[in-house]
Amino acid sequence: MPDNIQTVTTVFNSKITSICPQDFAVDYARIDILNENIAEINNIIQIVKDGKRFEGKNYTNANLNRNI
C-alpha cells in the first residue's frame, strides 16, 4: 500500500500482524489502522498500551527472523 505523504510503500501480511511491544527495547510504537471503526481502534490502542498482542487464527506474530 503506497503512502502518498512520504512516498513509502508498506507490505502487509495476509493476516493482521500483532507483536507485543514489550518484546523489543522501544519507547514508541506505530499502529497502522486500515478499516477499523472507533471501537476497534480504541481496543487496539488499549491492547498495545497494556503490552499485549492479539491471539487467534486471524492474527500472526510474523517471522521477524526471516529476510524479505
PDB file of N, CA and C in Angstrom:
ATOM      1  N   MET A   1       0.848  -1.165   0.000  1.00  0.00           N
ATOM      2  CA  MET A   1       0.000   0.000   0.000  1.00  0.00           C
ATOM      3  C   MET A   1       0.902   1.239   0.000  1.00  0.00           C
ATOM      4  N   PRO A   2       0.827   2.098  -1.011  1.00  0.00           N
ATOM      5  CA  PRO A   2       1.691   3.282  -1.063  1.00  0.00           C
ATOM      6  C   PRO A   2       1.228   4.366  -0.096  1.00  0.00           C
ATOM      7  N   ASP A   3       2.190   5.081   0.425  1.00  0.00           N
ATOM      8  CA  ASP A   3       1.932   6.210   1.314  1.00  0.00           C
ATOM      9  C   ASP A   3       2.081   7.477   0.485  1.00  0.00           C
ATOM     10  N   ASN A   4       1.009   8.209   0.296  1.00  0.00           N
ATOM     11  CA  ASN A   4       1.046   9.395  -0.560  1.00  0.00           C
ATOM     12  C   ASN A   4       1.764  10.581   0.064  1.00  0.00           C
ATOM     13  N   ILE A   5       2.063  10.508   1.337  1.00  0.00           N
ATOM     14  CA  ILE A   5       2.723  11.621   2.014  1.00  0.00           C
ATOM     15  C   ILE A   5       4.237  11.485   1.958  1.00  0.00           C
ATOM     16  N   GLN A   6       4.759  10.320   2.346  1.00  0.00           N
ATOM     17  CA  GLN A   6       6.207  10.129   2.434  1.00  0.00           C
ATOM     18  C   GLN A   6       6.762   9.271   1.297  1.00  0.00           C
ATOM     19  N   THR A   7       5.951   8.902   0.358  1.00  0.00           N
ATOM     20  CA  THR A   7       6.319   8.006  -0.741  1.00  0.00           C
ATOM     21  C   THR A   7       7.019   6.746  -0.241  1.00  0.00           C
ATOM     22  N   VAL A   8       6.409   6.136   0.763  1.00  0.00           N
ATOM     23  CA  VAL A   8       6.886   4.881   1.330  1.00  0.00           C
ATOM     24  C   VAL A   8       5.852   3.817   1.009  1.00  0.00           C
ATOM     25  N   THR A   9       6.300   2.637   0.620  1.00  0.00           N
ATOM     26  CA  THR A   9       5.391   1.536   0.359  1.00  0.00           C
ATOM     27  C   THR A   9       5.475   0.549   1.512  1.00  0.00           C
ATOM     28  N   THR A  10       4.325   0.153   2.037  1.00  0.00           N
ATOM     29  CA  THR A  10       4.256  -0.806   3.129  1.00  0.00           C
ATOM     30  C   THR A  10       3.683  -2.105   2.606  1.00  0.00           C
ATOM     31  N   VAL A  11       4.346  -3.215   2.917  1.00  0.00           N
ATOM     32  CA  VAL A  11       3.856  -4.532   2.549  1.00  0.00           C
ATOM     33  C   VAL A  11       3.193  -5.128   3.783  1.00  0.00           C
ATOM     34  N   PHE A  12       1.893  -5.435   3.662  1.00  0.00           N
ATOM     35  CA  PHE A  12       1.156  -6.000   4.771  1.00  0.00           C
ATOM     36  C   PHE A  12       1.081  -7.511   4.632  1.00  0.00           C
ATOM     37  N   ASN A  13       1.061  -8.199   5.755  1.00  0.00           N
ATOM     38  CA  ASN A  13       0.884  -9.634   5.803  1.00  0.00           C
ATOM     39  C   ASN A  13      -0.565  -9.948   5.422  1.00  0.00           C
ATOM     40  N   SER A  14      -0.843 -11.184   5.007  1.00  0.00           N
ATOM     41  CA  SER A  14      -2.221 -11.564   4.687  1.00  0.00           C
ATOM     42  C   SER A  14      -3.082 -11.644   5.951  1.00  0.00           C
ATOM     43  N   LYS A  15      -2.445 -11.810   7.105  1.00  0.00           N
ATOM     44  CA  LYS A  15      -3.131 -11.771   8.391  1.00  0.00           C
ATOM     45  C   LYS A  15      -2.668 -10.523   9.131  1.00  0.00           C
ATOM     46  N   ILE A  16      -3.436 -10.105  10.110  1.00  0.00           N
ATOM     47  CA  ILE A  16      -3.062  -8.945  10.912  1.00  0.00           C
ATOM     48  C   ILE A  16      -1.847  -9.314  11.761  1.00  0.00           C
ATOM     49  N   THR A  17      -0.799  -8.524  11.653  1.00  0.00           N
ATOM     50  CA  THR A  17       0.410  -8.767  12.429  1.00  0.00           C
ATOM     51  C   THR A  17       0.251  -8.130  13.801  1.00  0.00           C
ATOM     52  N   SER A  18       0.462  -8.922  14.832  1.00  0.00           N
ATOM     53  CA  SER A  18       0.316  -8.446  16.197  1.00  0.00           C
ATOM     54  C   SER A  18       1.550  -8.861  16.984  1.00  0.00           C
ATOM     55  N   ILE A  19       2.369  -7.891  17.311  1.00  0.00           N
ATOM     56  CA  ILE A  19       3.627  -8.140  18.013  1.00  0.00           C
ATOM     57  C   ILE A  19       3.584  -7.408  19.345  1.00  0.00           C
ATOM     58  N   CYS A  20       3.971  -8.078  20.403  1.00  0.00           N
ATOM     59  CA  CYS A  20       3.996  -7.468  21.729  1.00  0.00           C
ATOM     60  C   CYS A  20       5.120  -6.440  21.781  1.00  0.00           C
ATOM     61  N   PRO A  21       4.810  -5.163  22.025  1.00  0.00           N
ATOM     62  CA  PRO A  21       5.853  -4.135  22.028  1.00  0.00           C
ATOM     63  C   PRO A  21       6.873  -4.319  23.149  1.00  0.00           C
ATOM     64  N   GLN A  22       6.526  -5.060  24.178  1.00  0.00           N
ATOM     65  CA  GLN A  22       7.471  -5.279  25.271  1.00  0.00           C
ATOM     66  C   GLN A  22       8.573  -6.266  24.901  1.00  0.00           C
ATOM     67  N   ASP A  23       8.428  -6.952  23.763  1.00  0.00           N
ATOM     68  CA  ASP A  23       9.468  -7.874  23.298  1.00  0.00           C
ATOM     69  C   ASP A  23      10.665  -7.127  22.704  1.00  0.00           C
ATOM     70  N   PHE A  24      10.534  -5.823  22.532  1.00  0.00           N
ATOM     71  CA  PHE A  24      11.561  -5.007  21.909  1.00  0.00           C
ATOM     72  C   PHE A  24      11.883  -3.830  22.812  1.00  0.00           C
ATOM     73  N   ALA A  25      13.099  -3.346  22.721  1.00  0.00           N
ATOM     74  CA  ALA A  25      13.509  -2.175  23.512  1.00  0.00           C
ATOM     75  C   ALA A  25      13.141  -0.909  22.748  1.00  0.00           C
ATOM     76  N   VAL A  26      11.850  -0.561  22.744  1.00  0.00           N
ATOM     77  CA  VAL A  26      11.381   0.621  22.027  1.00  0.00           C
ATOM     78  C   VAL A  26      10.605   1.523  22.983  1.00  0.00           C
ATOM     79  N   ASP A  27      10.655   2.795  22.722  1.00  0.00           N
ATOM     80  CA  ASP A  27       9.897   3.753  23.514  1.00  0.00           C
ATOM     81  C   ASP A  27       8.558   4.095  22.869  1.00  0.00           C
ATOM     82  N   TYR A  28       8.451   3.889  21.558  1.00  0.00           N
ATOM     83  CA  TYR A  28       7.248   4.235  20.815  1.00  0.00           C
ATOM     84  C   TYR A  28       6.916   3.124  19.838  1.00  0.00           C
ATOM     85  N   ALA A  29       5.635   3.000  19.503  1.00  0.00           N
ATOM     86  CA  ALA A  29       5.195   2.010  18.522  1.00  0.00           C
ATOM     87  C   ALA A  29       4.262   2.691  17.531  1.00  0.00           C
ATOM     88  N   ARG A  30       4.296   2.234  16.298  1.00  0.00           N
ATOM     89  CA  ARG A  30       3.394   2.739  15.271  1.00  0.00           C
ATOM     90  C   ARG A  30       2.303   1.705  15.044  1.00  0.00           C
ATOM     91  N   ILE A  31       1.077   2.172  14.992  1.00  0.00           N
ATOM     92  CA  ILE A  31      -0.063   1.296  14.742  1.00  0.00           C
ATOM     93  C   ILE A  31      -0.681   1.717  13.419  1.00  0.00           C
ATOM     94  N   ASP A  32      -0.731   0.807  12.466  1.00  0.00           N
ATOM     95  CA  ASP A  32      -1.372   1.088  11.188  1.00  0.00           C
ATOM     96  C   ASP A  32      -2.842   0.687  11.279  1.00  0.00           C
ATOM     97  N   ILE A  33      -3.723   1.644  11.079  1.00  0.00           N
ATOM     98  CA  ILE A  33      -5.163   1.424  11.123  1.00  0.00           C
ATOM     99  C   ILE A  33      -5.682   1.532   9.688  1.00  0.00           C
ATOM    100  N   LEU A  34      -6.362   0.492   9.215  1.00  0.00           N
ATOM    101  CA  LEU A  34      -6.826   0.495   7.827  1.00  0.00           C
ATOM    102  C   LEU A  34      -8.338   0.635   7.712  1.00  0.00           C
ATOM    103  N   ASN A  35      -9.090  -0.302   8.260  1.00  0.00           N
ATOM    104  CA  ASN A  35     -10.544  -0.325   8.061  1.00  0.00           C
ATOM    105  C   ASN A  35     -11.316  -0.493   9.362  1.00  0.00           C
ATOM    106  N   GLU A  36     -10.732  -0.142  10.488  1.00  0.00           N
ATOM    107  CA  GLU A  36     -11.368  -0.367  11.777  1.00  0.00           C
ATOM    108  C   GLU A  36     -12.257   0.813  12.175  1.00  0.00           C
ATOM    109  N   ASN A  37     -13.306   0.502  12.919  1.00  0.00           N
ATOM    110  CA  ASN A  37     -14.169   1.563  13.430  1.00  0.00           C
ATOM    111  C   ASN A  37     -13.584   2.100  14.738  1.00  0.00           C
ATOM    112  N   ILE A  38     -14.211   3.111  15.319  1.00  0.00           N
ATOM    113  CA  ILE A  38     -13.689   3.765  16.523  1.00  0.00           C
ATOM    114  C   ILE A  38     -13.551   2.786  17.690  1.00  0.00           C
ATOM    115  N   ALA A  39     -14.537   1.921  17.892  1.00  0.00           N
ATOM    116  CA  ALA A  39     -14.468   0.954  18.991  1.00  0.00           C
ATOM    117  C   ALA A  39     -13.289   0.001  18.802  1.00  0.00           C
ATOM    118  N   GLU A  40     -13.078  -0.458  17.568  1.00  0.00           N
ATOM    119  CA  GLU A  40     -11.954  -1.357  17.287  1.00  0.00           C
ATOM    120  C   GLU A  40     -10.622  -0.637  17.475  1.00  0.00           C
ATOM    121  N   ILE A  41     -10.549   0.612  17.060  1.00  0.00           N
ATOM    122  CA  ILE A  41      -9.322   1.392  17.218  1.00  0.00           C
ATOM    123  C   ILE A  41      -9.002   1.561  18.701  1.00  0.00           C
ATOM    124  N   ASN A  42     -10.005   1.912  19.501  1.00  0.00           N
ATOM    125  CA  ASN A  42      -9.778   2.064  20.940  1.00  0.00           C
ATOM    126  C   ASN A  42      -9.320   0.757  21.570  1.00  0.00           C
ATOM    127  N   ASN A  43      -9.883  -0.362  21.136  1.00  0.00           N
ATOM    128  CA  ASN A  43      -9.482  -1.674  21.637  1.00  0.00           C
ATOM    129  C   ASN A  43      -8.036  -1.983  21.253  1.00  0.00           C
ATOM    130  N   ILE A  44      -7.670  -1.707  20.027  1.00  0.00           N
ATOM    131  CA  ILE A  44      -6.295  -1.934  19.563  1.00  0.00           C
ATOM    132  C   ILE A  44      -5.310  -1.116  20.391  1.00  0.00           C
ATOM    133  N   ILE A  45      -5.608   0.154  20.567  1.00  0.00           N
ATOM    134  CA  ILE A  45      -4.719   1.035  21.332  1.00  0.00           C
ATOM    135  C   ILE A  45      -4.569   0.532  22.764  1.00  0.00           C
ATOM    136  N   GLN A  46      -5.653   0.103  23.373  1.00  0.00           N
ATOM    137  CA  GLN A  46      -5.582  -0.379  24.755  1.00  0.00           C
ATOM    138  C   GLN A  46      -4.743  -1.641  24.866  1.00  0.00           C
ATOM    139  N   ILE A  47      -4.886  -2.555  23.915  1.00  0.00           N
ATOM    140  CA  ILE A  47      -4.101  -3.794  23.932  1.00  0.00           C
ATOM    141  C   ILE A  47      -2.619  -3.480  23.800  1.00  0.00           C
ATOM    142  N   VAL A  48      -2.262  -2.574  22.905  1.00  0.00           N
ATOM    143  CA  VAL A  48      -0.851  -2.195  22.741  1.00  0.00           C
ATOM    144  C   VAL A  48      -0.327  -1.514  24.002  1.00  0.00           C
ATOM    145  N   LYS A  49      -1.115  -0.600  24.568  1.00  0.00           N
ATOM    146  CA  LYS A  49      -0.698   0.088  25.791  1.00  0.00           C
ATOM    147  C   LYS A  49      -0.505  -0.887  26.949  1.00  0.00           C
ATOM    148  N   ASP A  50      -1.304  -1.956  26.979  1.00  0.00           N
ATOM    149  CA  ASP A  50      -1.184  -2.968  28.029  1.00  0.00           C
ATOM    150  C   ASP A  50      -0.024  -3.926  27.788  1.00  0.00           C
ATOM    151  N   GLY A  51       0.668  -3.772  26.659  1.00  0.00           N
ATOM    152  CA  GLY A  51       1.802  -4.640  26.352  1.00  0.00           C
ATOM    153  C   GLY A  51       1.399  -6.029  25.927  1.00  0.00           C
ATOM    154  N   LYS A  52       0.203  -6.155  25.384  1.00  0.00           N
ATOM    155  CA  LYS A  52      -0.293  -7.461  24.945  1.00  0.00           C
ATOM    156  C   LYS A  52      -0.325  -7.505  23.427  1.00  0.00           C
ATOM    157  N   ARG A  53      -0.723  -8.659  22.898  1.00  0.00           N
ATOM    158  CA  ARG A  53      -0.914  -8.778  21.461  1.00  0.00           C
ATOM    159  C   ARG A  53      -2.164  -9.597  21.205  1.00  0.00           C
ATOM    160  N   PHE A  54      -2.690  -9.470  20.005  1.00  0.00           N
ATOM    161  CA  PHE A  54      -3.887 -10.217  19.636  1.00  0.00           C
ATOM    162  C   PHE A  54      -3.532 -11.676  19.422  1.00  0.00           C
ATOM    163  N   GLU A  55      -4.425 -12.570  19.800  1.00  0.00           N
ATOM    164  CA  GLU A  55      -4.240 -14.008  19.643  1.00  0.00           C
ATOM    165  C   GLU A  55      -5.364 -14.557  18.778  1.00  0.00           C
ATOM    166  N   GLY A  56      -5.108 -15.646  18.076  1.00  0.00           N
ATOM    167  CA  GLY A  56      -6.151 -16.314  17.308  1.00  0.00           C
ATOM    168  C   GLY A  56      -5.735 -16.551  15.875  1.00  0.00           C
ATOM    169  N   LYS A  57      -6.611 -17.219  15.135  1.00  0.00           N
ATOM    170  CA  LYS A  57      -6.284 -17.626  13.771  1.00  0.00           C
ATOM    171  C   LYS A  57      -6.237 -16.467  12.780  1.00  0.00           C
ATOM    172  N   ASN A  58      -6.809 -15.319  13.125  1.00  0.00           N
ATOM    173  CA  ASN A  58      -6.800 -14.161  12.227  1.00  0.00           C
ATOM    174  C   ASN A  58      -5.571 -13.275  12.395  1.00  0.00           C
ATOM    175  N   TYR A  59      -4.691 -13.661  13.328  1.00  0.00           N
ATOM    176  CA  TYR A  59      -3.523 -12.839  13.643  1.00  0.00           C
ATOM    177  C   TYR A  59      -2.249 -13.653  13.510  1.00  0.00           C
ATOM    178  N   THR A  60      -1.142 -12.966  13.287  1.00  0.00           N
ATOM    179  CA  THR A  60       0.157 -13.610  13.238  1.00  0.00           C
ATOM    180  C   THR A  60       1.149 -12.734  13.984  1.00  0.00           C
ATOM    181  N   ASN A  61       2.170 -13.357  14.545  1.00  0.00           N
ATOM    182  CA  ASN A  61       3.238 -12.565  15.155  1.00  0.00           C
ATOM    183  C   ASN A  61       4.397 -12.429  14.177  1.00  0.00           C
ATOM    184  N   ALA A  62       4.119 -12.779  12.931  1.00  0.00           N
ATOM    185  CA  ALA A  62       5.082 -12.663  11.836  1.00  0.00           C
ATOM    186  C   ALA A  62       6.268 -13.589  12.076  1.00  0.00           C
ATOM    187  N   ASN A  63       7.265 -13.448  11.267  1.00  0.00           N
ATOM    188  CA  ASN A  63       8.515 -14.188  11.429  1.00  0.00           C
ATOM    189  C   ASN A  63       9.610 -13.137  11.343  1.00  0.00           C
ATOM    190  N   LEU A  64       9.980 -12.602  12.475  1.00  0.00           N
ATOM    191  CA  LEU A  64      10.911 -11.474  12.497  1.00  0.00           C
ATOM    192  C   LEU A  64      12.341 -11.849  12.137  1.00  0.00           C
ATOM    193  N   ASN A  65      12.627 -13.143  12.065  1.00  0.00           N
ATOM    194  CA  ASN A  65      13.984 -13.586  11.741  1.00  0.00           C
ATOM    195  C   ASN A  65      14.178 -13.848  10.244  1.00  0.00           C
ATOM    196  N   ARG A  66      13.135 -13.700   9.449  1.00  0.00           N
ATOM    197  CA  ARG A  66      13.204 -14.004   8.032  1.00  0.00           C
ATOM    198  C   ARG A  66      13.355 -12.721   7.228  1.00  0.00           C
ATOM    199  N   ASN A  67      14.313 -12.701   6.337  1.00  0.00           N
ATOM    200  CA  ASN A  67      14.508 -11.530   5.469  1.00  0.00           C
ATOM    201  C   ASN A  67      13.460 -11.498   4.375  1.00  0.00           C
ATOM    202  N   ILE A  68      13.117 -10.302   3.943  1.00  0.00           N
ATOM    203  CA  ILE A  68      12.156 -10.151   2.849  1.00  0.00           C
ATOM    204  C   ILE A  68      12.910  -9.897   1.564  1.00  0.00           C
TER     205      ILE A  68
END
